[in-house]
Amino acid sequence: MPVSKSFFKQHIRDIFTRKWDETWKSWQQCSHTKSFLSSVTYQNSKFTSTLSRTTLKNVVGIITGHCQLNKHMTNLKIIADSTCRFCGEAEETGIHIVNDCPGTYRERHEAFELCPNKPAITKITKFVQCKRIKRALLQGNNT
């Protein structure tokens, strides 16, 4: 019995995804991003391809830390203070506002705790789509 074309496509996709994941895990860089996405999955790639440009920009910004967050703006010498605008207790990084910040608890609760079985990328997307977070990412320190 012949093997279907879709079988081959899936098999090739699996091989490349596995190789991509091995490469990703072997890199020493990208620790901020790896704290959110520890492995490469086809589902994450497929999901992100459905996002609007603005939402994708915000998701990538939070995951990489390269956006209007105070820590990144301080690294670029655009502002002098990297303190979190939401809580005033720590440096404002993507890791902090998504995982630890008391000032973003409500948004974190809505995105993460109300959807426990969703993939991390889906939860982060829901988080950045919250009105206050979206405004902070678009306006920077002027919120």
N, C-alpha and C. Protein backbone atom coordinates (compact mmCIF):
# COMPACT_ATOMS: atom_id res chain seq x y z
N MET A 1 0.85 -1.18 0.00
CA MET A 1 0.00 0.00 0.00
C MET A 1 0.90 1.25 0.00
N PRO A 2 0.63 2.21 -0.87
CA PRO A 2 1.47 3.41 -0.93
C PRO A 2 1.25 4.31 0.30
N VAL A 3 2.27 5.07 0.60
CA VAL A 3 2.22 5.99 1.72
C VAL A 3 1.74 7.35 1.21
N SER A 4 0.90 7.99 1.98
CA SER A 4 0.31 9.25 1.53
C SER A 4 1.31 10.41 1.57
N LYS A 5 1.02 11.42 0.78
CA LYS A 5 1.84 12.63 0.73
C LYS A 5 1.83 13.33 2.09
N SER A 6 0.69 13.36 2.76
CA SER A 6 0.60 14.02 4.07
C SER A 6 1.47 13.32 5.11
N PHE A 7 1.62 12.00 5.00
CA PHE A 7 2.51 11.27 5.90
C PHE A 7 3.94 11.77 5.76
N PHE A 8 4.40 11.90 4.52
CA PHE A 8 5.75 12.39 4.27
C PHE A 8 5.93 13.83 4.77
N LYS A 9 4.95 14.67 4.52
CA LYS A 9 5.02 16.06 4.98
C LYS A 9 5.14 16.12 6.50
N GLN A 10 4.33 15.33 7.19
CA GLN A 10 4.37 15.30 8.64
C GLN A 10 5.71 14.77 9.13
N HIS A 11 6.21 13.74 8.49
CA HIS A 11 7.48 13.14 8.88
C HIS A 11 8.63 14.15 8.71
N ILE A 12 8.65 14.84 7.59
CA ILE A 12 9.68 15.86 7.35
C ILE A 12 9.55 17.00 8.35
N ARG A 13 8.33 17.44 8.62
CA ARG A 13 8.10 18.50 9.62
C ARG A 13 8.62 18.07 10.99
N ASP A 14 8.35 16.84 11.37
CA ASP A 14 8.82 16.33 12.67
C ASP A 14 10.35 16.30 12.73
N ILE A 15 10.99 15.88 11.66
CA ILE A 15 12.46 15.84 11.63
C ILE A 15 13.04 17.24 11.80
N PHE A 16 12.52 18.19 11.03
CA PHE A 16 13.04 19.56 11.11
C PHE A 16 12.73 20.22 12.45
N THR A 17 11.55 19.96 13.00
CA THR A 17 11.20 20.53 14.31
C THR A 17 12.12 19.95 15.39
N ARG A 18 12.38 18.66 15.33
CA ARG A 18 13.26 18.02 16.31
C ARG A 18 14.68 18.60 16.21
N LYS A 19 15.17 18.79 14.99
CA LYS A 19 16.51 19.36 14.77
C LYS A 19 16.57 20.80 15.27
N TRP A 20 15.52 21.57 14.98
CA TRP A 20 15.43 22.96 15.42
C TRP A 20 15.43 23.02 16.95
N ASP A 21 14.69 22.12 17.59
CA ASP A 21 14.62 22.07 19.04
C ASP A 21 15.99 21.72 19.64
N GLU A 22 16.69 20.77 19.05
CA GLU A 22 18.03 20.42 19.54
C GLU A 22 18.98 21.61 19.44
N THR A 23 18.91 22.32 18.33
CA THR A 23 19.76 23.50 18.15
C THR A 23 19.39 24.57 19.18
N TRP A 24 18.10 24.81 19.35
CA TRP A 24 17.62 25.81 20.32
C TRP A 24 18.11 25.50 21.73
N LYS A 25 18.02 24.26 22.13
CA LYS A 25 18.44 23.87 23.47
C LYS A 25 19.96 23.92 23.65
N SER A 26 20.71 23.81 22.56
CA SER A 26 22.17 23.84 22.67
C SER A 26 22.73 25.26 22.75
N TRP A 27 21.97 26.26 22.33
CA TRP A 27 22.44 27.65 22.38
C TRP A 27 22.60 28.11 23.82
N GLN A 28 23.66 28.85 24.07
CA GLN A 28 23.89 29.42 25.40
C GLN A 28 23.17 30.76 25.57
N GLN A 29 22.87 31.43 24.46
CA GLN A 29 22.21 32.73 24.51
C GLN A 29 20.70 32.56 24.70
N CYS A 30 20.02 33.68 24.68
CA CYS A 30 18.54 33.73 24.68
C CYS A 30 17.92 33.24 26.00
N SER A 31 18.58 33.48 27.12
CA SER A 31 18.05 32.97 28.40
C SER A 31 16.68 33.57 28.73
N HIS A 32 16.46 34.85 28.39
CA HIS A 32 15.16 35.48 28.65
C HIS A 32 14.07 34.76 27.86
N THR A 33 14.31 34.52 26.59
CA THR A 33 13.34 33.85 25.73
C THR A 33 13.13 32.41 26.19
N LYS A 34 14.21 31.73 26.54
CA LYS A 34 14.09 30.34 26.97
C LYS A 34 13.32 30.18 28.27
N SER A 35 13.26 31.25 29.08
CA SER A 35 12.46 31.15 30.31
C SER A 35 10.97 31.04 29.98
N PHE A 36 10.58 31.50 28.80
CA PHE A 36 9.19 31.38 28.35
C PHE A 36 8.97 30.18 27.45
N LEU A 37 9.92 29.95 26.55
CA LEU A 37 9.79 28.89 25.55
C LEU A 37 11.01 27.98 25.64
N SER A 38 10.90 26.95 26.45
CA SER A 38 12.05 26.08 26.68
C SER A 38 12.30 25.12 25.53
N SER A 39 11.30 24.91 24.68
CA SER A 39 11.50 24.02 23.54
C SER A 39 10.74 24.57 22.33
N VAL A 40 11.12 24.06 21.18
CA VAL A 40 10.51 24.45 19.91
C VAL A 40 9.39 23.48 19.60
N THR A 41 8.22 24.01 19.23
CA THR A 41 7.13 23.14 18.81
C THR A 41 6.50 23.69 17.54
N TYR A 42 6.02 22.82 16.73
CA TYR A 42 5.32 23.22 15.50
C TYR A 42 4.05 23.98 15.86
N GLN A 43 3.38 23.57 16.93
CA GLN A 43 2.13 24.21 17.34
C GLN A 43 2.36 25.69 17.68
N ASN A 44 3.48 26.01 18.35
CA ASN A 44 3.79 27.41 18.66
C ASN A 44 3.97 28.21 17.37
N SER A 45 4.69 27.64 16.43
CA SER A 45 4.92 28.32 15.15
C SER A 45 3.60 28.54 14.42
N LYS A 46 2.78 27.54 14.39
CA LYS A 46 1.49 27.63 13.70
C LYS A 46 0.60 28.66 14.40
N PHE A 47 0.58 28.65 15.73
CA PHE A 47 -0.25 29.61 16.48
C PHE A 47 0.21 31.05 16.22
N THR A 48 1.51 31.30 16.30
CA THR A 48 1.98 32.67 16.12
C THR A 48 1.73 33.19 14.71
N SER A 49 1.65 32.30 13.74
CA SER A 49 1.37 32.75 12.37
C SER A 49 -0.05 33.26 12.21
N THR A 50 -0.92 33.01 13.19
CA THR A 50 -2.31 33.47 13.11
C THR A 50 -2.50 34.83 13.77
N LEU A 51 -1.48 35.34 14.46
CA LEU A 51 -1.62 36.59 15.21
C LEU A 51 -1.51 37.81 14.31
N SER A 52 -2.15 38.89 14.74
CA SER A 52 -1.99 40.16 14.02
C SER A 52 -0.56 40.64 14.21
N ARG A 53 -0.13 41.55 13.37
CA ARG A 53 1.24 42.07 13.46
C ARG A 53 1.51 42.71 14.81
N THR A 54 0.56 43.51 15.30
CA THR A 54 0.75 44.20 16.58
C THR A 54 0.83 43.22 17.73
N THR A 55 -0.06 42.25 17.74
CA THR A 55 -0.04 41.25 18.81
C THR A 55 1.24 40.44 18.75
N LEU A 56 1.65 40.03 17.57
CA LEU A 56 2.89 39.26 17.43
C LEU A 56 4.08 40.09 17.91
N LYS A 57 4.12 41.36 17.55
CA LYS A 57 5.21 42.25 18.00
C LYS A 57 5.25 42.30 19.52
N ASN A 58 4.09 42.43 20.16
CA ASN A 58 4.04 42.50 21.62
C ASN A 58 4.43 41.17 22.28
N VAL A 59 4.00 40.08 21.70
CA VAL A 59 4.36 38.76 22.24
C VAL A 59 5.87 38.55 22.13
N VAL A 60 6.43 38.82 20.96
CA VAL A 60 7.87 38.66 20.77
C VAL A 60 8.63 39.61 21.69
N GLY A 61 8.13 40.83 21.85
CA GLY A 61 8.78 41.80 22.73
C GLY A 61 8.84 41.33 24.17
N ILE A 62 7.74 40.81 24.69
CA ILE A 62 7.70 40.29 26.07
C ILE A 62 8.63 39.08 26.20
N ILE A 63 8.55 38.17 25.25
CA ILE A 63 9.34 36.94 25.32
C ILE A 63 10.84 37.23 25.24
N THR A 64 11.24 38.15 24.38
CA THR A 64 12.67 38.44 24.21
C THR A 64 13.16 39.52 25.18
N GLY A 65 12.23 40.32 25.71
CA GLY A 65 12.60 41.45 26.56
C GLY A 65 12.98 42.68 25.76
N HIS A 66 12.86 42.62 24.43
CA HIS A 66 13.23 43.73 23.56
C HIS A 66 11.99 44.49 23.13
N CYS A 67 11.49 45.32 24.04
CA CYS A 67 10.32 46.14 23.75
C CYS A 67 10.35 47.34 24.69
N GLN A 68 9.23 47.98 24.86
CA GLN A 68 9.17 49.21 25.65
C GLN A 68 9.22 48.97 27.16
N LEU A 69 9.81 47.88 27.59
CA LEU A 69 9.98 47.61 29.01
C LEU A 69 11.11 48.48 29.55
N ASN A 70 10.97 48.94 30.77
CA ASN A 70 11.95 49.87 31.34
C ASN A 70 13.37 49.31 31.37
N LYS A 71 13.54 48.03 31.62
CA LYS A 71 14.88 47.44 31.64
C LYS A 71 15.54 47.58 30.26
N HIS A 72 14.80 47.27 29.22
CA HIS A 72 15.35 47.38 27.87
C HIS A 72 15.62 48.84 27.50
N MET A 73 14.71 49.72 27.86
CA MET A 73 14.90 51.15 27.57
C MET A 73 16.11 51.71 28.32
N THR A 74 16.38 51.18 29.51
CA THR A 74 17.57 51.57 30.28
C THR A 74 18.84 51.05 29.60
N ASN A 75 18.79 49.80 29.13
CA ASN A 75 19.93 49.24 28.40
C ASN A 75 20.27 50.06 27.16
N LEU A 76 19.24 50.60 26.52
CA LEU A 76 19.44 51.43 25.33
C LEU A 76 19.77 52.88 25.68
N LYS A 77 19.80 53.19 26.98
CA LYS A 77 20.09 54.53 27.49
C LYS A 77 19.05 55.57 27.04
N ILE A 78 17.81 55.13 26.91
CA ILE A 78 16.70 56.02 26.55
C ILE A 78 16.09 56.60 27.82
N ILE A 79 16.04 55.79 28.87
CA ILE A 79 15.58 56.26 30.18
C ILE A 79 16.63 55.87 31.22
N ALA A 80 16.53 56.46 32.40
CA ALA A 80 17.54 56.23 33.43
C ALA A 80 17.13 55.18 34.46
N ASP A 81 15.84 54.93 34.61
CA ASP A 81 15.35 54.07 35.69
C ASP A 81 14.67 52.83 35.12
N SER A 82 15.13 51.66 35.51
CA SER A 82 14.56 50.41 35.00
C SER A 82 13.49 49.83 35.93
N THR A 83 13.09 50.58 36.94
CA THR A 83 12.10 50.09 37.91
C THR A 83 10.75 49.86 37.23
N CYS A 84 10.08 48.82 37.66
CA CYS A 84 8.78 48.43 37.11
C CYS A 84 7.74 49.51 37.33
N ARG A 85 7.06 49.91 36.26
CA ARG A 85 6.01 50.94 36.35
C ARG A 85 4.75 50.41 37.01
N PHE A 86 4.58 49.08 37.07
CA PHE A 86 3.37 48.49 37.63
C PHE A 86 3.44 48.32 39.15
N CYS A 87 4.65 48.02 39.67
CA CYS A 87 4.76 47.75 41.10
C CYS A 87 5.81 48.61 41.79
N GLY A 88 6.80 49.09 41.05
CA GLY A 88 7.88 49.89 41.64
C GLY A 88 8.82 49.09 42.53
N GLU A 89 8.80 47.77 42.43
CA GLU A 89 9.58 46.92 43.34
C GLU A 89 10.79 46.23 42.71
N ALA A 90 10.85 46.12 41.39
CA ALA A 90 11.92 45.36 40.75
C ALA A 90 12.18 45.95 39.37
N GLU A 91 13.21 45.41 38.69
CA GLU A 91 13.45 45.83 37.31
C GLU A 91 12.31 45.33 36.44
N GLU A 92 11.90 46.17 35.51
CA GLU A 92 10.80 45.81 34.63
C GLU A 92 11.32 45.03 33.43
N THR A 93 11.22 43.73 33.53
CA THR A 93 11.58 42.82 32.44
C THR A 93 10.33 42.03 32.07
N GLY A 94 10.37 41.35 30.94
CA GLY A 94 9.25 40.49 30.57
C GLY A 94 9.02 39.40 31.60
N ILE A 95 10.11 38.82 32.08
CA ILE A 95 10.00 37.76 33.09
C ILE A 95 9.30 38.30 34.34
N HIS A 96 9.70 39.49 34.77
CA HIS A 96 9.11 40.07 35.98
C HIS A 96 7.61 40.35 35.80
N ILE A 97 7.23 41.06 34.72
CA ILE A 97 5.81 41.44 34.63
C ILE A 97 4.91 40.25 34.33
N VAL A 98 5.43 39.23 33.67
CA VAL A 98 4.61 38.04 33.38
C VAL A 98 4.56 37.10 34.58
N ASN A 99 5.68 36.91 35.29
CA ASN A 99 5.73 35.88 36.34
C ASN A 99 5.58 36.38 37.76
N ASP A 100 6.11 37.56 38.07
CA ASP A 100 6.27 37.94 39.48
C ASP A 100 5.59 39.23 39.92
N CYS A 101 5.34 40.14 39.03
CA CYS A 101 4.91 41.49 39.40
C CYS A 101 3.55 41.50 40.10
N PRO A 102 3.52 42.05 41.33
CA PRO A 102 2.22 42.16 42.01
C PRO A 102 1.28 43.13 41.29
N GLY A 103 1.84 44.07 40.55
CA GLY A 103 1.03 45.05 39.83
C GLY A 103 0.33 44.51 38.60
N THR A 104 0.75 43.34 38.13
CA THR A 104 0.09 42.73 36.96
C THR A 104 -0.61 41.42 37.34
N TYR A 105 -0.91 41.27 38.62
CA TYR A 105 -1.54 40.03 39.09
C TYR A 105 -2.85 39.76 38.36
N ARG A 106 -3.70 40.77 38.24
CA ARG A 106 -5.03 40.58 37.63
C ARG A 106 -4.89 40.06 36.20
N GLU A 107 -4.02 40.70 35.41
CA GLU A 107 -3.81 40.27 34.03
C GLU A 107 -3.21 38.86 33.97
N ARG A 108 -2.26 38.59 34.86
CA ARG A 108 -1.63 37.26 34.91
C ARG A 108 -2.68 36.20 35.27
N HIS A 109 -3.53 36.52 36.24
CA HIS A 109 -4.57 35.59 36.66
C HIS A 109 -5.52 35.27 35.49
N GLU A 110 -5.94 36.32 34.77
CA GLU A 110 -6.84 36.12 33.64
C GLU A 110 -6.19 35.28 32.55
N ALA A 111 -4.93 35.54 32.26
CA ALA A 111 -4.25 34.87 31.15
C ALA A 111 -3.78 33.47 31.50
N PHE A 112 -3.32 33.26 32.72
CA PHE A 112 -2.66 31.99 33.06
C PHE A 112 -3.53 31.07 33.91
N GLU A 113 -4.06 31.59 35.00
CA GLU A 113 -4.74 30.71 35.94
C GLU A 113 -6.14 30.32 35.50
N LEU A 114 -6.77 31.16 34.67
CA LEU A 114 -8.10 30.81 34.18
C LEU A 114 -8.03 29.88 32.96
N CYS A 115 -6.83 29.69 32.41
CA CYS A 115 -6.63 28.81 31.24
C CYS A 115 -5.47 27.86 31.51
N PRO A 116 -5.56 27.00 32.52
CA PRO A 116 -4.40 26.20 32.93
C PRO A 116 -3.91 25.20 31.90
N ASN A 117 -4.76 24.76 30.99
CA ASN A 117 -4.35 23.71 30.05
C ASN A 117 -3.88 24.24 28.70
N LYS A 118 -3.77 25.54 28.56
CA LYS A 118 -3.34 26.14 27.30
C LYS A 118 -1.82 26.18 27.23
N PRO A 119 -1.25 26.15 26.02
CA PRO A 119 0.21 26.28 25.87
C PRO A 119 0.69 27.66 26.34
N ALA A 120 1.95 27.75 26.73
CA ALA A 120 2.51 29.01 27.24
C ALA A 120 2.36 30.15 26.25
N ILE A 121 2.56 29.90 24.98
CA ILE A 121 2.49 30.96 23.98
C ILE A 121 1.07 31.55 23.93
N THR A 122 0.07 30.72 24.12
CA THR A 122 -1.32 31.18 24.13
C THR A 122 -1.57 32.06 25.35
N LYS A 123 -1.04 31.66 26.50
CA LYS A 123 -1.22 32.43 27.72
C LYS A 123 -0.51 33.78 27.62
N ILE A 124 0.70 33.79 27.09
CA ILE A 124 1.45 35.04 26.94
C ILE A 124 0.71 35.97 25.99
N THR A 125 0.15 35.42 24.93
CA THR A 125 -0.63 36.22 23.98
C THR A 125 -1.83 36.84 24.69
N LYS A 126 -2.53 36.06 25.47
CA LYS A 126 -3.69 36.58 26.21
C LYS A 126 -3.22 37.68 27.18
N PHE A 127 -2.08 37.48 27.81
CA PHE A 127 -1.53 38.47 28.75
C PHE A 127 -1.24 39.79 28.04
N VAL A 128 -0.56 39.76 26.90
CA VAL A 128 -0.20 41.01 26.21
C VAL A 128 -1.41 41.69 25.58
N GLN A 129 -2.51 40.97 25.43
CA GLN A 129 -3.71 41.57 24.88
C GLN A 129 -4.56 42.28 25.94
N CYS A 130 -4.19 42.13 27.21
CA CYS A 130 -4.88 42.87 28.27
C CYS A 130 -4.62 44.36 28.05
N LYS A 131 -5.63 45.16 28.26
CA LYS A 131 -5.58 46.58 27.92
C LYS A 131 -4.40 47.32 28.55
N ARG A 132 -4.16 47.13 29.83
CA ARG A 132 -3.06 47.84 30.52
C ARG A 132 -1.69 47.42 30.01
N ILE A 133 -1.52 46.13 29.75
CA ILE A 133 -0.24 45.63 29.27
C ILE A 133 0.00 46.12 27.84
N LYS A 134 -1.03 46.04 27.01
CA LYS A 134 -0.92 46.49 25.63
C LYS A 134 -0.54 47.98 25.59
N ARG A 135 -1.17 48.76 26.42
CA ARG A 135 -0.90 50.21 26.46
C ARG A 135 0.57 50.45 26.87
N ALA A 136 1.04 49.70 27.86
CA ALA A 136 2.43 49.87 28.32
C ALA A 136 3.41 49.51 27.21
N LEU A 137 3.13 48.44 26.47
CA LEU A 137 4.03 48.02 25.41
C LEU A 137 4.03 48.97 24.23
N LEU A 138 2.91 49.62 23.99
CA LEU A 138 2.81 50.56 22.87
C LEU A 138 3.33 51.95 23.22
N GLN A 139 3.11 52.38 24.48
CA GLN A 139 3.46 53.75 24.86
C GLN A 139 4.75 53.85 25.64
N GLY A 140 5.28 52.75 26.07
CA GLY A 140 6.52 52.80 26.86
C GLY A 140 6.28 53.37 28.23
N ASN A 141 7.17 54.23 28.69
CA ASN A 141 7.15 54.74 30.05
C ASN A 141 6.10 55.81 30.29
N ASN A 142 5.28 56.14 29.31
CA ASN A 142 4.28 57.20 29.44
C ASN A 142 2.95 56.72 29.95
N THR A 143 2.87 55.50 30.52
CA THR A 143 1.58 54.97 30.97
C THR A 143 1.25 55.47 32.35
